[in-house]
């Protein structure tokens, strides 16, 4: 069942999301060669607790950390470790969330570690663009399949693959709620979007094939062919008008030049 949120619930989610957005912004300065993935997790946990919130992921299903930190071919659910040191040229995906008065936020970004090669840069950029292509259809009257199709189309036209084993989801009083939101599919399929729906939309894109393996820790998902993977996610509210990005502040503007199928550019509302 898809839960429609009230204005009061959305206000609580927005407060949680503002802390998540701050951390994602700060990580762009914190992440550099020589730090460990555990250092990233320690920052996320400390900042969340300092703001009197709860790390959304710690203990969730037994996950042992406050952030998922995934390096290079790791797609998602990487377990932070003091032994895993970031090196120049790596890319690192950080997936994190916060809980405020029982309401969740969830978002992710992929960051360069120092200087990275042009193809890695392109993968990160196209993954972000894929999210914003899907966002064009986060409006009342469209269907979930329209979001999924737009993400897949943009990623595959760039020569990349869409991960199929992991999908976006609804979010609210639970981290994962209905509906599931694949990053691939046919348009005009699935539930119609309605005001008050809150969706965690999260393209996970691979430079090579979309097949996935899970490591022996039973958490870390990697590309089966060892190719690089990138991840971009925001918590999005469907409204009567433009979609509202709870985890993407005004200063983090979407890429320009992305159009819907009519060729008309639309702008998302940021809070």
Protein backbone atom coordinates (compact mmCIF):
# COMPACT_ATOMS: atom_id res chain seq x y z
CA UNK A 1 0.00 0.00 0.00
CA UNK A 2 1.30 3.45 -0.94
CA UNK A 3 1.02 5.82 2.04
CA UNK A 4 0.03 9.43 1.29
CA UNK A 5 1.76 11.80 3.70
CA UNK A 6 0.10 14.69 5.51
CA UNK A 7 1.56 18.19 5.64
CA UNK A 8 2.69 17.52 9.22
CA UNK A 9 4.48 14.33 8.18
CA UNK A 10 6.17 16.09 5.29
CA UNK A 11 7.45 18.77 7.64
CA UNK A 12 9.11 16.14 9.83
CA UNK A 13 10.62 14.45 6.78
CA UNK A 14 11.93 17.79 5.53
CA UNK A 15 13.76 18.34 8.82
CA UNK A 16 15.39 14.93 8.60
CA UNK A 17 16.26 15.57 4.95
CA UNK A 18 17.93 18.91 5.66
CA UNK A 19 20.54 17.19 7.83
CA UNK A 20 21.06 14.51 5.18
CA UNK A 21 21.56 17.23 2.54
CA UNK A 22 24.11 19.03 4.72
CA UNK A 23 26.17 15.86 5.09
CA UNK A 24 26.13 15.15 1.37
CA UNK A 25 27.38 18.68 0.72
CA UNK A 26 30.12 18.45 3.35
CA UNK A 27 31.36 15.10 2.07
CA UNK A 28 32.44 16.74 -1.19
CA UNK A 29 35.11 18.52 0.88
CA UNK A 30 35.88 15.69 3.30
CA UNK A 31 36.47 12.95 0.72
CA UNK A 32 40.08 12.94 -0.47
CA UNK A 33 42.94 10.48 -0.98
CA UNK A 34 44.24 8.96 2.25
CA UNK A 35 41.07 8.84 4.32
CA UNK A 36 39.35 5.55 5.11
CA UNK A 37 35.75 4.62 4.40
CA UNK A 38 35.39 4.35 8.19
CA UNK A 39 36.32 8.05 8.46
CA UNK A 40 33.33 8.84 6.23
CA UNK A 41 31.04 6.74 8.41
CA UNK A 42 32.36 8.37 11.59
CA UNK A 43 31.59 11.82 10.23
CA UNK A 44 28.04 10.79 9.23
CA UNK A 45 27.30 9.29 12.63
CA UNK A 46 28.74 12.22 14.60
CA UNK A 47 26.97 14.87 12.51
CA UNK A 48 23.64 13.05 12.73
CA UNK A 49 23.82 12.65 16.50
CA UNK A 50 24.96 16.27 16.94
CA UNK A 51 21.72 17.30 15.24
CA UNK A 52 19.69 15.11 17.61
CA UNK A 53 18.70 12.63 14.94
CA UNK A 54 19.22 8.91 14.40
CA UNK A 55 21.33 7.36 11.61
CA UNK A 56 18.77 5.63 9.40
CA UNK A 57 20.96 2.72 8.36
CA UNK A 58 22.76 1.67 11.55
CA UNK A 59 21.28 -1.61 12.68
CA UNK A 60 18.77 -1.67 9.81
CA UNK A 61 18.49 -5.34 8.91
CA UNK A 62 21.72 -5.81 10.83
CA UNK A 63 23.77 -3.29 8.83
CA UNK A 64 26.73 -2.37 11.06
CA UNK A 65 27.33 1.28 10.12
CA UNK A 66 25.65 4.67 9.75
CA UNK A 67 26.48 5.05 6.05
CA UNK A 68 26.90 2.71 3.10
CA UNK A 69 30.27 3.55 1.55
CA UNK A 70 30.92 1.82 -1.79
CA UNK A 71 34.16 2.21 -3.76
CA UNK A 72 34.70 1.78 -7.53
CA UNK A 73 33.00 -1.47 -8.62
CA UNK A 74 30.94 -1.55 -5.39
CA UNK A 75 27.40 -0.49 -6.26
CA UNK A 76 25.72 -0.17 -2.88
CA UNK A 77 25.79 -1.37 0.76
CA UNK A 78 29.56 -1.17 1.14
CA UNK A 79 30.53 -1.65 4.81
CA UNK A 80 32.91 1.09 6.03
CA UNK A 81 36.32 -0.09 7.22
CA UNK A 82 39.37 1.58 8.75
CA UNK A 83 41.45 -0.67 6.49
CA UNK A 84 39.87 0.57 3.26
CA UNK A 85 41.84 3.67 2.29
CA UNK A 86 40.69 5.87 -0.59
CA UNK A 87 43.23 6.43 -3.34
CA UNK A 88 43.65 9.07 -6.02
CA UNK A 89 41.43 8.15 -8.96
CA UNK A 90 38.85 6.17 -6.99
CA UNK A 91 35.16 7.00 -7.00
CA UNK A 92 33.12 6.49 -3.83
CA UNK A 93 29.35 6.30 -3.41
CA UNK A 94 27.91 7.33 -0.05
CA UNK A 95 24.33 6.38 0.78
CA UNK A 96 22.95 7.76 4.03
CA UNK A 97 19.80 8.85 5.81
CA UNK A 98 18.46 10.26 9.04
CA UNK A 99 15.45 9.68 11.26
CA UNK A 100 13.64 12.56 12.97
CA UNK A 101 10.69 11.80 15.22
CA UNK A 102 10.23 8.43 13.48
CA UNK A 103 10.34 9.84 9.93
CA UNK A 104 13.08 8.96 7.45
CA UNK A 105 15.13 10.64 4.75
CA UNK A 106 17.41 8.84 2.29
CA UNK A 107 19.90 10.09 -0.32
CA UNK A 108 23.15 9.18 -2.04
CA UNK A 109 25.94 10.71 -4.11
CA UNK A 110 29.06 9.45 -5.88
CA UNK A 111 32.22 11.50 -5.35
CA UNK A 112 35.59 11.63 -7.11
CA UNK A 113 38.63 10.95 -4.96
CA UNK A 114 41.16 13.50 -6.14
CA UNK A 115 41.61 13.48 -9.90
CA UNK A 116 39.66 10.81 -11.76
CA UNK A 117 39.71 9.86 -15.42
CA UNK A 118 37.28 11.26 -17.97
CA UNK A 119 35.14 8.12 -18.21
CA UNK A 120 34.64 7.97 -14.45
CA UNK A 121 33.65 11.63 -14.50
CA UNK A 122 31.17 10.91 -17.28
CA UNK A 123 29.66 7.98 -15.35
CA UNK A 124 29.06 10.17 -12.29
CA UNK A 125 27.56 12.93 -14.43
CA UNK A 126 25.25 10.65 -16.42
CA UNK A 127 24.03 8.95 -13.24
CA UNK A 128 23.04 12.32 -11.81
CA UNK A 129 21.45 13.36 -15.09
CA UNK A 130 19.47 10.11 -15.14
CA UNK A 131 17.91 11.04 -11.82
CA UNK A 132 16.84 14.43 -13.14
CA UNK A 133 15.43 12.84 -16.29
CA UNK A 134 13.26 10.67 -14.06
CA UNK A 135 12.35 13.70 -11.97
CA UNK A 136 10.72 15.29 -15.03
CA UNK A 137 7.93 12.73 -14.61
CA UNK A 138 7.48 13.11 -10.85
CA UNK A 139 4.19 14.91 -11.35
CA UNK A 140 0.57 14.15 -10.70
CA UNK A 141 -0.92 12.07 -13.50
CA UNK A 142 2.26 10.35 -14.65
CA UNK A 143 2.97 6.75 -13.67
CA UNK A 144 5.92 5.18 -11.91
CA UNK A 145 6.95 3.50 -15.14
CA UNK A 146 7.46 6.90 -16.72
CA UNK A 147 10.15 7.68 -14.12
CA UNK A 148 11.81 4.30 -14.59
CA UNK A 149 11.80 4.54 -18.37
CA UNK A 150 13.29 8.03 -18.42
CA UNK A 151 16.16 6.96 -16.16
CA UNK A 152 16.93 3.89 -18.24
CA UNK A 153 16.73 5.73 -21.55
CA UNK A 154 19.21 8.41 -20.55
CA UNK A 155 21.72 5.99 -19.01
CA UNK A 156 21.64 3.52 -21.88
CA UNK A 157 21.85 6.19 -24.56
CA UNK A 158 25.11 7.23 -22.88
CA UNK A 159 26.40 3.66 -23.23
CA UNK A 160 25.97 2.63 -19.60
CA UNK A 161 23.90 -0.11 -17.91
CA UNK A 162 21.14 0.22 -15.32
CA UNK A 163 21.47 -2.03 -12.26
CA UNK A 164 18.33 -4.16 -11.99
CA UNK A 165 18.82 -5.96 -8.69
CA UNK A 166 18.35 -2.82 -6.57
CA UNK A 167 15.59 -0.24 -6.92
CA UNK A 168 14.18 2.94 -5.42
CA UNK A 169 11.28 2.90 -2.99
CA UNK A 170 8.67 4.80 -1.08
CA UNK A 171 9.74 6.30 2.24
CA UNK A 172 8.11 7.77 5.34
CA UNK A 173 7.77 6.23 8.79
CA UNK A 174 9.69 3.32 7.33
CA UNK A 175 12.91 3.49 5.36
CA UNK A 176 11.47 1.22 2.69
CA UNK A 177 7.78 1.51 1.80
CA UNK A 178 5.68 0.84 -1.27
CA UNK A 179 6.07 1.37 -4.14
CA UNK A 180 9.26 -0.14 -5.51
CA UNK A 181 10.77 2.09 -8.20
CA UNK A 182 12.96 0.25 -10.73
CA UNK A 183 15.43 2.32 -12.72
CA UNK A 184 14.31 0.59 -15.90
CA UNK A 185 10.99 -0.29 -17.48
CA UNK A 186 8.27 0.70 -19.90
CA UNK A 187 6.43 4.04 -19.76
CA UNK A 188 2.77 4.39 -18.80
CA UNK A 189 2.94 1.43 -16.42
CA UNK A 190 2.44 1.15 -12.68
CA UNK A 191 0.56 3.30 -10.16
CA UNK A 192 -0.35 6.87 -11.01
CA UNK A 193 1.48 9.52 -9.04
CA UNK A 194 -0.55 11.49 -6.49
CA UNK A 195 0.19 14.48 -4.24
CA UNK A 196 1.62 13.38 -0.90
CA UNK A 197 3.56 10.41 -2.25
CA UNK A 198 7.20 10.45 -1.13
CA UNK A 199 9.71 8.52 -3.22
CA UNK A 200 13.39 7.72 -2.82
CA UNK A 201 14.51 7.67 -6.45
CA UNK A 202 18.02 6.27 -6.89
CA UNK A 203 19.63 5.41 -10.21
CA UNK A 204 22.52 2.95 -9.83
CA UNK A 205 24.43 2.89 -13.10
CA UNK A 206 27.34 0.67 -14.23
CA UNK A 207 30.00 1.45 -16.80
CA UNK A 208 29.86 -2.18 -17.96
CA UNK A 209 27.25 -4.90 -17.57
CA UNK A 210 24.35 -4.73 -15.09
CA UNK A 211 24.93 -8.17 -13.53
CA UNK A 212 25.59 -8.08 -9.77
CA UNK A 213 27.47 -10.19 -7.23
CA UNK A 214 27.23 -9.89 -3.44
CA UNK A 215 30.42 -10.28 -1.41
CA UNK A 216 30.89 -12.73 1.46
CA UNK A 217 29.90 -10.04 3.98
CA UNK A 218 26.35 -10.54 2.62
CA UNK A 219 25.97 -6.79 2.13
CA UNK A 220 28.34 -5.30 -0.43
CA UNK A 221 26.94 -5.48 -3.97
CA UNK A 222 29.51 -5.25 -6.77
CA UNK A 223 29.39 -5.31 -10.56
CA UNK A 224 30.04 -8.87 -11.70
CA UNK A 225 32.44 -7.68 -14.41
CA UNK A 226 34.37 -5.34 -12.09
CA UNK A 227 33.28 -2.18 -13.93
CA UNK A 228 32.77 1.11 -12.11
CA UNK A 229 29.35 1.95 -10.66
CA UNK A 230 27.77 5.23 -9.55
CA UNK A 231 24.73 6.08 -7.42
CA UNK A 232 22.57 9.22 -7.12
CA UNK A 233 19.49 9.47 -4.88
CA UNK A 234 17.09 12.02 -3.43
CA UNK A 235 13.93 11.92 -1.36
CA UNK A 236 11.21 13.45 -3.56
CA UNK A 237 7.69 14.63 -2.70
CA UNK A 238 4.94 14.54 -5.34
CA UNK A 239 2.84 17.72 -5.12
CA UNK A 240 -0.02 19.31 -7.05
CA UNK A 241 2.61 21.10 -9.13
CA UNK A 242 6.40 20.66 -9.33
CA UNK A 243 8.20 17.86 -7.45
CA UNK A 244 9.93 18.86 -4.22
CA UNK A 245 13.44 17.55 -3.55
CA UNK A 246 13.80 17.28 0.22
CA UNK A 247 17.45 16.21 0.13
CA UNK A 248 18.68 18.59 -2.59
CA UNK A 249 19.02 22.20 -1.41
CA UNK A 250 18.80 25.22 -3.69
CA UNK A 251 22.57 25.51 -3.97
CA UNK A 252 22.77 22.01 -5.52
CA UNK A 253 21.13 22.72 -8.85
CA UNK A 254 20.32 20.01 -11.39
CA UNK A 255 22.23 19.74 -14.66
CA UNK A 256 20.96 21.98 -17.43
CA UNK A 257 19.70 20.96 -20.81
CA UNK A 258 17.70 17.88 -19.82
CA UNK A 259 14.30 17.87 -21.46
CA UNK A 260 11.22 15.69 -21.26
CA UNK A 261 9.83 13.93 -24.31
CA UNK A 262 8.10 17.11 -25.49
CA UNK A 263 11.43 18.95 -25.46
CA UNK A 264 10.22 21.39 -22.81
CA UNK A 265 12.49 21.90 -19.81
CA UNK A 266 10.83 21.93 -16.39
CA UNK A 267 12.40 22.98 -13.12
CA UNK A 268 12.12 21.15 -9.82
CA UNK A 269 11.28 22.98 -6.60
CA UNK A 270 14.10 22.79 -4.04
CA UNK A 271 13.70 23.38 -0.31
